[in-house]
C-alpha atoms as a PDB file:
ATOM      1  CA  MET A   1     -24.061   4.063 -84.200  1.00  0.00           C
ATOM      2  CA  PHE A   2     -24.344   2.735 -80.518  1.00  0.00           C
ATOM      3  CA  LYS A   3     -21.815  -0.231 -81.332  1.00  0.00           C
ATOM      4  CA  GLU A   4     -18.850   1.590 -82.661  1.00  0.00           C
ATOM      5  CA  LYS A   5     -19.034   3.613 -79.868  1.00  0.00           C
ATOM      6  CA  ASN A   6     -18.899   0.764 -77.167  1.00  0.00           C
ATOM      7  CA  ASN A   7     -15.929  -0.731 -78.949  1.00  0.00           C
ATOM      8  CA  GLU A   8     -14.322   2.630 -79.356  1.00  0.00           C
ATOM      9  CA  GLU A   9     -14.711   3.277 -75.632  1.00  0.00           C
ATOM     10  CA  ILE A  10     -13.059  -0.525 -75.064  1.00  0.00           C
ATOM     11  CA  LYS A  11     -10.157  -0.048 -77.826  1.00  0.00           C
ATOM     12  CA  TRP A  12      -9.347   3.400 -75.571  1.00  0.00           C
ATOM     13  CA  VAL A  13      -8.907   1.189 -72.371  1.00  0.00           C
ATOM     14  CA  GLU A  14      -7.082  -1.979 -74.050  1.00  0.00           C
ATOM     15  CA  LYS A  15      -4.943   1.158 -76.164  1.00  0.00           C
ATOM     16  CA  LEU A  16      -4.340   2.341 -72.124  1.00  0.00           C
ATOM     17  CA  LYS A  17      -3.740  -0.915 -70.746  1.00  0.00           C
ATOM     18  CA  HIS A  18      -0.747  -1.798 -73.041  1.00  0.00           C
ATOM     19  CA  LYS A  19       1.300   1.311 -72.532  1.00  0.00           C
ATOM     20  CA  PRO A  20       3.747  -0.029 -69.428  1.00  0.00           C
ATOM     21  CA  ILE A  21       4.634   2.303 -66.478  1.00  0.00           C
ATOM     22  CA  LYS A  22       8.234   2.610 -66.114  1.00  0.00           C
ATOM     23  CA  PRO A  23       9.526   0.481 -63.927  1.00  0.00           C
ATOM     24  CA  ASN A  24      11.048   1.837 -60.679  1.00  0.00           C
ATOM     25  CA  GLU A  25       8.607   4.823 -60.483  1.00  0.00           C
ATOM     26  CA  PHE A  26       6.969   5.415 -56.801  1.00  0.00           C
ATOM     27  CA  MET A  27       5.258   8.036 -54.569  1.00  0.00           C
ATOM     28  CA  PHE A  28       5.617   8.930 -50.747  1.00  0.00           C
ATOM     29  CA  LEU A  29       1.985   8.149 -48.956  1.00  0.00           C
ATOM     30  CA  ASN A  30       1.480   9.373 -45.248  1.00  0.00           C
ATOM     31  CA  ILE A  31      -0.273   6.392 -44.097  1.00  0.00           C
ATOM     32  CA  ILE A  32      -0.412   8.023 -40.519  1.00  0.00           C
ATOM     33  CA  ARG A  33       1.157  10.954 -38.507  1.00  0.00           C
ATOM     34  CA  ASN A  34       5.060  11.647 -39.483  1.00  0.00           C
ATOM     35  CA  VAL A  35       5.390   7.586 -41.407  1.00  0.00           C
ATOM     36  CA  LYS A  36       5.706   7.376 -45.439  1.00  0.00           C
ATOM     37  CA  ILE A  37       5.466   4.721 -47.329  1.00  0.00           C
ATOM     38  CA  LYS A  38       7.152   4.294 -50.533  1.00  0.00           C
ATOM     39  CA  VAL A  39       4.782   2.822 -53.276  1.00  0.00           C
ATOM     40  CA  PHE A  40       5.533   1.972 -56.300  1.00  0.00           C
ATOM     41  CA  ILE A  41       3.137   2.965 -59.057  1.00  0.00           C
ATOM     42  CA  GLU A  42       3.063   0.345 -61.245  1.00  0.00           C
ATOM     43  CA  ASP A  43       1.732  -1.653 -57.793  1.00  0.00           C
ATOM     44  CA  ILE A  44      -0.969   0.620 -57.622  1.00  0.00           C
ATOM     45  CA  ILE A  45      -4.420  -1.512 -58.885  1.00  0.00           C
ATOM     46  CA  CYS A  46      -6.859   0.741 -57.669  1.00  0.00           C
ATOM     47  CA  CYS A  47      -7.718   4.447 -55.432  1.00  0.00           C
ATOM     48  CA  LYS A  48     -11.350   4.172 -53.812  1.00  0.00           C
ATOM     49  CA  ALA A  49     -12.888   7.587 -52.377  1.00  0.00           C
ATOM     50  CA  ASP A  50     -14.323   7.417 -48.849  1.00  0.00           C
ATOM     51  CA  ASN A  51     -15.416  10.911 -48.034  1.00  0.00           C
ATOM     52  CA  SER A  52     -11.849  12.741 -47.529  1.00  0.00           C
ATOM     53  CA  TYR A  53      -9.591   9.867 -47.851  1.00  0.00           C
ATOM     54  CA  THR A  54      -8.792   7.530 -50.590  1.00  0.00           C
ATOM     55  CA  ILE A  55      -8.016   4.234 -50.383  1.00  0.00           C
ATOM     56  CA  PHE A  56      -4.809   2.428 -52.026  1.00  0.00           C
ATOM     57  CA  TYR A  57      -5.215  -0.901 -53.109  1.00  0.00           C
ATOM     58  CA  LEU A  58      -2.159  -3.015 -54.178  1.00  0.00           C
ATOM     59  CA  ALA A  59      -0.858  -5.597 -56.190  1.00  0.00           C
ATOM     60  CA  ASN A  60       0.564  -7.503 -53.265  1.00  0.00           C
ATOM     61  CA  GLY A  61      -3.175  -7.556 -51.565  1.00  0.00           C
ATOM     62  CA  LYS A  62      -2.259  -4.347 -48.804  1.00  0.00           C
ATOM     63  CA  LYS A  63      -4.360  -1.495 -48.916  1.00  0.00           C
ATOM     64  CA  HIS A  64      -3.597   1.958 -47.220  1.00  0.00           C
ATOM     65  CA  ILE A  65      -5.757   4.921 -46.292  1.00  0.00           C
ATOM     66  CA  VAL A  66      -4.328   8.050 -46.511  1.00  0.00           C
ATOM     67  CA  SER A  67      -6.447  11.752 -45.978  1.00  0.00           C
ATOM     68  CA  TYR A  68      -6.119  13.070 -49.325  1.00  0.00           C
ATOM     69  CA  GLN A  69      -9.187  13.127 -51.435  1.00  0.00           C
ATOM     70  CA  LEU A  70      -9.329  11.210 -54.827  1.00  0.00           C
ATOM     71  CA  LYS A  71      -9.230  14.655 -56.834  1.00  0.00           C
ATOM     72  CA  LYS A  72      -5.818  15.259 -55.169  1.00  0.00           C
ATOM     73  CA  ILE A  73      -4.723  11.517 -56.406  1.00  0.00           C
ATOM     74  CA  GLU A  74      -6.066  11.836 -59.412  1.00  0.00           C
ATOM     75  CA  GLU A  75      -4.305  14.465 -60.120  1.00  0.00           C
ATOM     76  CA  TYR A  76      -0.635  13.145 -59.826  1.00  0.00           C
ATOM     77  CA  LEU A  77      -2.028   9.826 -61.467  1.00  0.00           C
ATOM     78  CA  LEU A  78      -3.148  10.705 -64.513  1.00  0.00           C
ATOM     79  CA  ARG A  79       0.353  11.236 -65.779  1.00  0.00           C
ATOM     80  CA  TYR A  80       0.754   7.544 -65.466  1.00  0.00           C
ATOM     81  CA  ASN A  81      -2.454   6.861 -67.168  1.00  0.00           C
ATOM     82  CA  PHE A  82      -4.417   6.260 -64.415  1.00  0.00           C
ATOM     83  CA  ILE A  83      -8.339   6.031 -65.482  1.00  0.00           C
ATOM     84  CA  ARG A  84     -11.411   7.808 -63.573  1.00  0.00           C
ATOM     85  CA  ALA A  85     -13.275   5.132 -63.506  1.00  0.00           C
ATOM     86  CA  ASN A  86     -16.469   6.942 -61.555  1.00  0.00           C
ATOM     87  CA  ARG A  87     -16.937   9.292 -59.124  1.00  0.00           C
ATOM     88  CA  THR A  88     -15.334   6.758 -56.381  1.00  0.00           C
ATOM     89  CA  PHE A  89     -12.546   4.860 -58.400  1.00  0.00           C
ATOM     90  CA  ILE A  90      -9.623   5.349 -60.334  1.00  0.00           C
ATOM     91  CA  ILE A  91      -8.346   2.393 -62.146  1.00  0.00           C
ATOM     92  CA  ASN A  92      -4.689   1.595 -63.473  1.00  0.00           C
ATOM     93  CA  PRO A  93      -5.381   0.578 -66.716  1.00  0.00           C
ATOM     94  CA  SER A  94      -2.610  -2.210 -66.885  1.00  0.00           C
ATOM     95  CA  HIS A  95      -4.184  -4.189 -63.711  1.00  0.00           C
ATOM     96  CA  ILE A  96      -7.274  -4.389 -66.345  1.00  0.00           C
ATOM     97  CA  ILE A  97      -8.043  -8.309 -66.718  1.00  0.00           C
ATOM     98  CA  ILE A  98     -11.955  -8.491 -68.383  1.00  0.00           C
ATOM     99  CA  ILE A  99     -13.915  -5.436 -69.550  1.00  0.00           C
ATOM    100  CA  LYS A 100     -17.554  -6.525 -69.701  1.00  0.00           C
ATOM    101  CA  GLN A 101     -20.127  -5.131 -70.703  1.00  0.00           C
ATOM    102  CA  ILE A 102     -23.399  -4.505 -68.495  1.00  0.00           C
ATOM    103  CA  LYS A 103     -25.554  -2.373 -70.206  1.00  0.00           C
ATOM    104  CA  LYS A 104     -26.146  -1.453 -73.905  1.00  0.00           C
ATOM    105  CA  SER A 105     -27.467   1.993 -74.153  1.00  0.00           C
ATOM    106  CA  TYR A 106     -26.716   5.681 -74.920  1.00  0.00           C
ATOM    107  CA  LYS A 107     -24.376   4.898 -71.939  1.00  0.00           C
ATOM    108  CA  SER A 108     -22.879   2.223 -71.707  1.00  0.00           C
ATOM    109  CA  GLN A 109     -21.930   0.702 -68.368  1.00  0.00           C
ATOM    110  CA  TYR A 110     -19.324  -1.768 -67.858  1.00  0.00           C
ATOM    111  CA  THR A 111     -17.708  -4.170 -65.385  1.00  0.00           C
ATOM    112  CA  LEU A 112     -13.889  -3.954 -65.176  1.00  0.00           C
ATOM    113  CA  LEU A 113     -12.137  -7.068 -63.298  1.00  0.00           C
ATOM    114  CA  LEU A 114      -9.201  -5.926 -61.772  1.00  0.00           C
END
């Protein structure tokens, strides 16, 4: 039974991984007072919570810090199939390279390589 559930979880992530984000969709990030930068949604690898801030990690290797809590960012990015991996991260499934199960139990744990 546990094996079936784990396989279903992996299939769900794999399905999202292959749902492409429409090209040229973007958002503006307020990085410092009165300065906004344009970020394409498809370039966001993940977002990490840091107290009242969120760190955006982008495909070009850059990272940007904004003064929004992760919950607020999550509300916006869920429409683009981003996944709330845990309390700290929201990830873009199209950037997942490897899914590895690290704990086999009722509450399985996975490591994702982005």
